[in-house]
Amino acid sequence: MSDKNLVPMGSKSFEDLKKVNEYGAEYWSARGIQPLLGYTQWRRFEDAIKRALTSCKQSGNLPANHFADVGKMVDIGSRSSREVTDYHLSRFACYLIAQNGDPRKPEIANAQKYFAVQARRQEISTAIAADVERLELRKQTAEEFKALSGAARDAGVHDRMFGVFHDAGYKGMYGGLGRDAIKKQKRIPEKENLMDRMDTTELAANQ
């Protein structure tokens, strides 16, 4: 199922309604997504927005960063217009509105499903990015260990002492634990390389 089919509104979708301000930040108009979420009355929809504002505050976020209270001019006929309340919403604000909307509305259920899918994709994307970062750090750390060994050899350190030389570095980082003790603590099989089991923080510290 494609993104645009997750939350349809005629030929429009949630992503179709996205706007970008002069600073390059994306936002959505509350008036714009109101019908997308199944609301015909602004009063009812604003109730959901207010509940979302409360949720935003309770989650430790600053509502002003996600809900910008703005006015919008609408045509009322006879070449006249008037200003009505509107909000510029962040993606997070839209998510909170969907979570605080009327659960009886199929559009709300559909929106909640959409954001759940997007959140999962973000988790996967973040995990992939973390794996890529870790692989790069692992490569850099291995190269630096190789260079350090070469420098030690040039300084007169014998090959048989390299293990002791590198172990001293581990002990300085892991509270006196050497390589074998660290592997035992982490339950890493004897034949596996310790650095292959380090996370990005550990690899960065070993550089």
C-alpha atoms as a PDB file:
ATOM      1  CA  MET A   1       0.000   0.000   0.000  1.00  0.00           C
ATOM      2  CA  SER A   2       1.495   3.311  -1.013  1.00  0.00           C
ATOM      3  CA  ASP A   3       1.761   6.367   1.234  1.00  0.00           C
ATOM      4  CA  LYS A   4      -0.804   8.282  -0.812  1.00  0.00           C
ATOM      5  CA  ASN A   5      -3.414   5.555  -0.388  1.00  0.00           C
ATOM      6  CA  LEU A   6      -3.089   5.368   3.376  1.00  0.00           C
ATOM      7  CA  VAL A   7      -5.016   8.575   4.075  1.00  0.00           C
ATOM      8  CA  PRO A   8      -7.035   9.502   0.991  1.00  0.00           C
ATOM      9  CA  MET A   9      -9.283  12.519   0.555  1.00  0.00           C
ATOM     10  CA  GLY A  10     -10.497  12.434  -3.019  1.00  0.00           C
ATOM     11  CA  SER A  11      -7.341  12.985  -5.033  1.00  0.00           C
ATOM     12  CA  LYS A  12      -5.510  14.453  -2.034  1.00  0.00           C
ATOM     13  CA  SER A  13      -3.487  12.762   0.707  1.00  0.00           C
ATOM     14  CA  PHE A  14      -1.746  13.867   3.862  1.00  0.00           C
ATOM     15  CA  GLU A  15       1.563  14.266   2.044  1.00  0.00           C
ATOM     16  CA  ASP A  16      -0.137  16.179  -0.787  1.00  0.00           C
ATOM     17  CA  LEU A  17      -1.265  18.790   1.744  1.00  0.00           C
ATOM     18  CA  LYS A  18       2.219  19.412   3.103  1.00  0.00           C
ATOM     19  CA  LYS A  19       3.585  22.939   2.760  1.00  0.00           C
ATOM     20  CA  VAL A  20       7.064  24.359   3.310  1.00  0.00           C
ATOM     21  CA  ASN A  21       7.699  27.731   4.948  1.00  0.00           C
ATOM     22  CA  GLU A  22      10.409  30.254   4.095  1.00  0.00           C
ATOM     23  CA  TYR A  23      12.828  28.484   6.446  1.00  0.00           C
ATOM     24  CA  GLY A  24      12.426  25.140   4.710  1.00  0.00           C
ATOM     25  CA  ALA A  25      10.352  23.597   7.509  1.00  0.00           C
ATOM     26  CA  GLU A  26       7.369  21.461   6.540  1.00  0.00           C
ATOM     27  CA  TYR A  27       3.935  22.161   7.987  1.00  0.00           C
ATOM     28  CA  TRP A  28       0.240  21.456   7.440  1.00  0.00           C
ATOM     29  CA  SER A  29      -2.744  23.784   7.689  1.00  0.00           C
ATOM     30  CA  ALA A  30      -5.285  22.616  10.258  1.00  0.00           C
ATOM     31  CA  ARG A  31      -8.069  23.832   7.977  1.00  0.00           C
ATOM     32  CA  GLY A  32      -6.491  21.848   5.185  1.00  0.00           C
ATOM     33  CA  ILE A  33      -6.394  18.515   6.998  1.00  0.00           C
ATOM     34  CA  GLN A  34      -9.753  18.957   8.756  1.00  0.00           C
ATOM     35  CA  PRO A  35     -11.811  17.186   6.040  1.00  0.00           C
ATOM     36  CA  LEU A  36      -9.040  14.600   5.645  1.00  0.00           C
ATOM     37  CA  LEU A  37      -9.720  13.530   9.226  1.00  0.00           C
ATOM     38  CA  GLY A  38     -13.477  13.363   8.764  1.00  0.00           C
ATOM     39  CA  TYR A  39     -14.537  16.618  10.437  1.00  0.00           C
ATOM     40  CA  THR A  40     -17.146  18.870   8.860  1.00  0.00           C
ATOM     41  CA  GLN A  41     -17.393  21.302  11.793  1.00  0.00           C
ATOM     42  CA  TRP A  42     -14.363  23.388  12.759  1.00  0.00           C
ATOM     43  CA  ARG A  43     -15.594  23.587  16.362  1.00  0.00           C
ATOM     44  CA  ARG A  44     -15.410  19.818  16.736  1.00  0.00           C
ATOM     45  CA  PHE A  45     -12.048  19.651  15.033  1.00  0.00           C
ATOM     46  CA  GLU A  46     -10.621  22.405  17.220  1.00  0.00           C
ATOM     47  CA  ASP A  47     -11.633  20.359  20.267  1.00  0.00           C
ATOM     48  CA  ALA A  48      -9.366  17.578  18.959  1.00  0.00           C
ATOM     49  CA  ILE A  49      -6.593  20.134  18.368  1.00  0.00           C
ATOM     50  CA  LYS A  50      -6.894  21.356  21.961  1.00  0.00           C
ATOM     51  CA  ARG A  51      -6.650  17.798  23.274  1.00  0.00           C
ATOM     52  CA  ALA A  52      -3.573  17.319  21.087  1.00  0.00           C
ATOM     53  CA  LEU A  53      -2.057  20.507  22.534  1.00  0.00           C
ATOM     54  CA  THR A  54      -2.527  19.089  26.025  1.00  0.00           C
ATOM     55  CA  SER A  55      -0.908  15.796  24.984  1.00  0.00           C
ATOM     56  CA  CYS A  56       1.996  17.715  23.477  1.00  0.00           C
ATOM     57  CA  LYS A  57       2.579  19.569  26.735  1.00  0.00           C
ATOM     58  CA  GLN A  58       2.268  16.385  28.808  1.00  0.00           C
ATOM     59  CA  SER A  59       4.861  14.654  26.620  1.00  0.00           C
ATOM     60  CA  GLY A  60       7.406  17.324  27.537  1.00  0.00           C
ATOM     61  CA  ASN A  61       7.321  19.117  24.191  1.00  0.00           C
ATOM     62  CA  LEU A  62       6.759  22.838  23.722  1.00  0.00           C
ATOM     63  CA  PRO A  63       3.368  23.260  21.979  1.00  0.00           C
ATOM     64  CA  ALA A  64       4.489  26.495  20.308  1.00  0.00           C
ATOM     65  CA  ASN A  65       7.063  24.482  18.346  1.00  0.00           C
ATOM     66  CA  HIS A  66       4.347  22.307  16.815  1.00  0.00           C
ATOM     67  CA  PHE A  67       1.104  24.337  16.851  1.00  0.00           C
ATOM     68  CA  ALA A  68       1.344  27.869  15.432  1.00  0.00           C
ATOM     69  CA  ASP A  69      -1.907  29.797  15.907  1.00  0.00           C
ATOM     70  CA  VAL A  70      -2.443  31.774  12.691  1.00  0.00           C
ATOM     71  CA  GLY A  71      -5.303  33.489  10.934  1.00  0.00           C
ATOM     72  CA  LYS A  72      -6.629  32.610   7.515  1.00  0.00           C
ATOM     73  CA  MET A  73      -8.738  34.770   5.202  1.00  0.00           C
ATOM     74  CA  VAL A  74     -11.771  33.023   3.702  1.00  0.00           C
ATOM     75  CA  ASP A  75     -14.198  34.229   1.067  1.00  0.00           C
ATOM     76  CA  ILE A  76     -17.738  34.757   2.427  1.00  0.00           C
ATOM     77  CA  GLY A  77     -19.270  35.957  -0.830  1.00  0.00           C
ATOM     78  CA  SER A  78     -20.221  39.353  -2.238  1.00  0.00           C
ATOM     79  CA  ARG A  79     -16.514  40.013  -2.733  1.00  0.00           C
ATOM     80  CA  SER A  80     -16.039  39.951   1.016  1.00  0.00           C
ATOM     81  CA  SER A  81     -13.737  37.905   3.218  1.00  0.00           C
ATOM     82  CA  ARG A  82     -13.080  37.452   6.897  1.00  0.00           C
ATOM     83  CA  GLU A  83     -10.322  36.028   9.049  1.00  0.00           C
ATOM     84  CA  VAL A  84     -10.827  32.651  10.694  1.00  0.00           C
ATOM     85  CA  THR A  85      -8.672  30.708  13.136  1.00  0.00           C
ATOM     86  CA  ASP A  86      -6.157  28.295  11.686  1.00  0.00           C
ATOM     87  CA  TYR A  87      -3.036  26.499  12.873  1.00  0.00           C
ATOM     88  CA  HIS A  88       0.205  25.642  11.158  1.00  0.00           C
ATOM     89  CA  LEU A  89       0.994  22.141  12.351  1.00  0.00           C
ATOM     90  CA  SER A  90       4.179  20.097  12.457  1.00  0.00           C
ATOM     91  CA  ARG A  91       4.080  16.419  11.506  1.00  0.00           C
ATOM     92  CA  PHE A  92       4.170  15.589  15.212  1.00  0.00           C
ATOM     93  CA  ALA A  93       1.182  17.870  15.821  1.00  0.00           C
ATOM     94  CA  CYS A  94      -0.777  16.102  13.071  1.00  0.00           C
ATOM     95  CA  TYR A  95       0.075  12.768  14.670  1.00  0.00           C
ATOM     96  CA  LEU A  96      -1.185  13.995  18.055  1.00  0.00           C
ATOM     97  CA  ILE A  97      -4.423  15.277  16.513  1.00  0.00           C
ATOM     98  CA  ALA A  98      -5.013  11.869  14.923  1.00  0.00           C
ATOM     99  CA  GLN A  99      -4.394  10.227  18.299  1.00  0.00           C
ATOM    100  CA  ASN A 100      -6.846  12.602  19.996  1.00  0.00           C
ATOM    101  CA  GLY A 101      -9.508  12.558  17.293  1.00  0.00           C
ATOM    102  CA  ASP A 102     -12.920  10.901  17.394  1.00  0.00           C
ATOM    103  CA  PRO A 103     -12.129   7.142  17.299  1.00  0.00           C
ATOM    104  CA  ARG A 104     -15.536   6.459  15.731  1.00  0.00           C
ATOM    105  CA  LYS A 105     -14.471   8.190  12.540  1.00  0.00           C
ATOM    106  CA  PRO A 106     -12.929   5.824   9.969  1.00  0.00           C
ATOM    107  CA  GLU A 107     -10.747   8.702   8.778  1.00  0.00           C
ATOM    108  CA  ILE A 108      -9.190   8.953  12.247  1.00  0.00           C
ATOM    109  CA  ALA A 109      -8.522   5.209  12.337  1.00  0.00           C
ATOM    110  CA  ASN A 110      -6.965   5.469   8.885  1.00  0.00           C
ATOM    111  CA  ALA A 111      -4.778   8.386   9.974  1.00  0.00           C
ATOM    112  CA  GLN A 112      -3.611   6.497  13.060  1.00  0.00           C
ATOM    113  CA  LYS A 113      -2.666   3.573  10.836  1.00  0.00           C
ATOM    114  CA  TYR A 114      -0.785   5.911   8.512  1.00  0.00           C
ATOM    115  CA  PHE A 115       1.296   7.403  11.321  1.00  0.00           C
ATOM    116  CA  ALA A 116       1.989   3.949  12.775  1.00  0.00           C
ATOM    117  CA  VAL A 117       3.393   2.849   9.394  1.00  0.00           C
ATOM    118  CA  GLN A 118       5.453   6.040   9.102  1.00  0.00           C
ATOM    119  CA  ALA A 119       6.828   5.605  12.627  1.00  0.00           C
ATOM    120  CA  ARG A 120       7.865   2.026  11.849  1.00  0.00           C
ATOM    121  CA  ARG A 121       9.572   3.123   8.642  1.00  0.00           C
ATOM    122  CA  GLN A 122      11.440   5.799  10.582  1.00  0.00           C
ATOM    123  CA  GLU A 123      12.567   3.202  13.121  1.00  0.00           C
ATOM    124  CA  ILE A 124      13.876   0.992  10.311  1.00  0.00           C
ATOM    125  CA  SER A 125      15.543   3.939   8.596  1.00  0.00           C
ATOM    126  CA  THR A 126      17.186   4.988  11.856  1.00  0.00           C
ATOM    127  CA  ALA A 127      18.366   1.430  12.503  1.00  0.00           C
ATOM    128  CA  ILE A 128      19.888   1.195   9.015  1.00  0.00           C
ATOM    129  CA  ALA A 129      21.629   4.544   9.478  1.00  0.00           C
ATOM    130  CA  ALA A 130      23.027   3.333  12.820  1.00  0.00           C
ATOM    131  CA  ASP A 131      24.319   0.135  11.182  1.00  0.00           C
ATOM    132  CA  VAL A 132      26.031   2.124   8.427  1.00  0.00           C
ATOM    133  CA  GLU A 133      27.614   4.443  10.999  1.00  0.00           C
ATOM    134  CA  ARG A 134      28.814   1.469  13.021  1.00  0.00           C
ATOM    135  CA  LEU A 135      30.384  -0.215   9.973  1.00  0.00           C
ATOM    136  CA  GLU A 136      32.235   2.980   9.079  1.00  0.00           C
ATOM    137  CA  LEU A 137      33.515   3.350  12.640  1.00  0.00           C
ATOM    138  CA  ARG A 138      34.543  -0.322  12.701  1.00  0.00           C
ATOM    139  CA  LYS A 139      36.558   0.178   9.517  1.00  0.00           C
ATOM    140  CA  GLN A 140      38.209   3.351  10.833  1.00  0.00           C
ATOM    141  CA  THR A 141      39.013   1.723  14.181  1.00  0.00           C
ATOM    142  CA  ALA A 142      40.586  -1.298  12.483  1.00  0.00           C
ATOM    143  CA  GLU A 143      42.735   0.982  10.312  1.00  0.00           C
ATOM    144  CA  GLU A 144      43.823   3.004  13.340  1.00  0.00           C
ATOM    145  CA  PHE A 145      44.679  -0.158  15.279  1.00  0.00           C
ATOM    146  CA  LYS A 146      46.791  -1.255  12.327  1.00  0.00           C
ATOM    147  CA  ALA A 147      48.556   2.116  12.188  1.00  0.00           C
ATOM    148  CA  LEU A 148      49.094   2.046  15.962  1.00  0.00           C
ATOM    149  CA  SER A 149      50.605  -1.428  15.749  1.00  0.00           C
ATOM    150  CA  GLY A 150      52.938  -0.218  13.008  1.00  0.00           C
ATOM    151  CA  ALA A 151      54.020   2.729  15.122  1.00  0.00           C
ATOM    152  CA  ALA A 152      54.593   0.436  18.097  1.00  0.00           C
ATOM    153  CA  ARG A 153      56.674  -1.908  15.947  1.00  0.00           C
ATOM    154  CA  ASP A 154      58.767   1.019  14.743  1.00  0.00           C
ATOM    155  CA  ALA A 155      59.254   2.037  18.370  1.00  0.00           C
ATOM    156  CA  GLY A 156      60.668  -1.384  19.200  1.00  0.00           C
ATOM    157  CA  VAL A 157      57.612  -3.187  20.579  1.00  0.00           C
ATOM    158  CA  HIS A 158      57.884  -6.874  19.693  1.00  0.00           C
ATOM    159  CA  ASP A 159      54.986  -8.584  17.886  1.00  0.00           C
ATOM    160  CA  ARG A 160      54.345 -10.880  20.836  1.00  0.00           C
ATOM    161  CA  MET A 161      53.743  -7.814  22.998  1.00  0.00           C
ATOM    162  CA  PHE A 162      51.041  -6.312  20.766  1.00  0.00           C
ATOM    163  CA  GLY A 163      48.314  -8.138  22.691  1.00  0.00           C
ATOM    164  CA  VAL A 164      49.529  -6.661  25.973  1.00  0.00           C
ATOM    165  CA  PHE A 165      49.907  -3.261  24.298  1.00  0.00           C
ATOM    166  CA  HIS A 166      46.287  -3.202  23.050  1.00  0.00           C
ATOM    167  CA  ASP A 167      44.979  -4.807  26.240  1.00  0.00           C
ATOM    168  CA  ALA A 168      46.288  -1.838  28.199  1.00  0.00           C
ATOM    169  CA  GLY A 169      44.053   0.388  26.086  1.00  0.00           C
ATOM    170  CA  TYR A 170      40.999  -1.767  26.834  1.00  0.00           C
ATOM    171  CA  LYS A 171      41.759  -1.716  30.566  1.00  0.00           C
ATOM    172  CA  GLY A 172      41.846   2.055  30.512  1.00  0.00           C
ATOM    173  CA  MET A 173      38.388   2.168  28.910  1.00  0.00           C
ATOM    174  CA  TYR A 174      36.631  -0.680  30.702  1.00  0.00           C
ATOM    175  CA  GLY A 175      37.551  -0.144  34.342  1.00  0.00           C
ATOM    176  CA  GLY A 176      40.584  -2.419  34.371  1.00  0.00           C
ATOM    177  CA  LEU A 177      39.061  -5.225  32.292  1.00  0.00           C
ATOM    178  CA  GLY A 178      41.229  -6.681  29.559  1.00  0.00           C
ATOM    179  CA  ARG A 179      40.014  -8.057  26.234  1.00  0.00           C
ATOM    180  CA  ASP A 180      39.268 -11.577  27.507  1.00  0.00           C
ATOM    181  CA  ALA A 181      37.446 -10.296  30.587  1.00  0.00           C
ATOM    182  CA  ILE A 182      35.339  -7.941  28.452  1.00  0.00           C
ATOM    183  CA  LYS A 183      34.400 -10.767  26.082  1.00  0.00           C
ATOM    184  CA  LYS A 184      33.419 -12.947  29.029  1.00  0.00           C
ATOM    185  CA  GLN A 185      31.296 -10.166  30.501  1.00  0.00           C
ATOM    186  CA  LYS A 186      29.572  -9.560  27.144  1.00  0.00           C
ATOM    187  CA  ARG A 187      29.267 -13.333  26.518  1.00  0.00           C
ATOM    188  CA  ILE A 188      31.135 -13.061  23.231  1.00  0.00           C
ATOM    189  CA  PRO A 189      32.435 -16.386  21.818  1.00  0.00           C
ATOM    190  CA  GLU A 190      36.214 -16.775  22.035  1.00  0.00           C
ATOM    191  CA  LYS A 191      36.692 -16.887  18.260  1.00  0.00           C
ATOM    192  CA  GLU A 192      34.796 -13.634  17.615  1.00  0.00           C
ATOM    193  CA  ASN A 193      36.571 -10.289  17.390  1.00  0.00           C
ATOM    194  CA  LEU A 194      35.655  -7.999  20.287  1.00  0.00           C
ATOM    195  CA  MET A 195      35.383  -4.955  18.017  1.00  0.00           C
ATOM    196  CA  ASP A 196      32.743  -6.728  15.910  1.00  0.00           C
ATOM    197  CA  ARG A 197      30.461  -6.618  18.956  1.00  0.00           C
ATOM    198  CA  MET A 198      31.115  -3.007  19.971  1.00  0.00           C
ATOM    199  CA  ASP A 199      28.426  -0.381  19.507  1.00  0.00           C
ATOM    200  CA  THR A 200      29.094   3.002  17.881  1.00  0.00           C
ATOM    201  CA  THR A 201      29.915   4.669  21.220  1.00  0.00           C
ATOM    202  CA  GLU A 202      32.527   2.049  22.082  1.00  0.00           C
ATOM    203  CA  LEU A 203      34.056   2.117  18.607  1.00  0.00           C
ATOM    204  CA  ALA A 204      34.290   5.908  18.668  1.00  0.00           C
ATOM    205  CA  ALA A 205      35.993   5.761  22.074  1.00  0.00           C
ATOM    206  CA  ASN A 206      38.525   3.257  20.714  1.00  0.00           C
ATOM    207  CA  GLN A 207      39.622   5.613  17.957  1.00  0.00           C
END
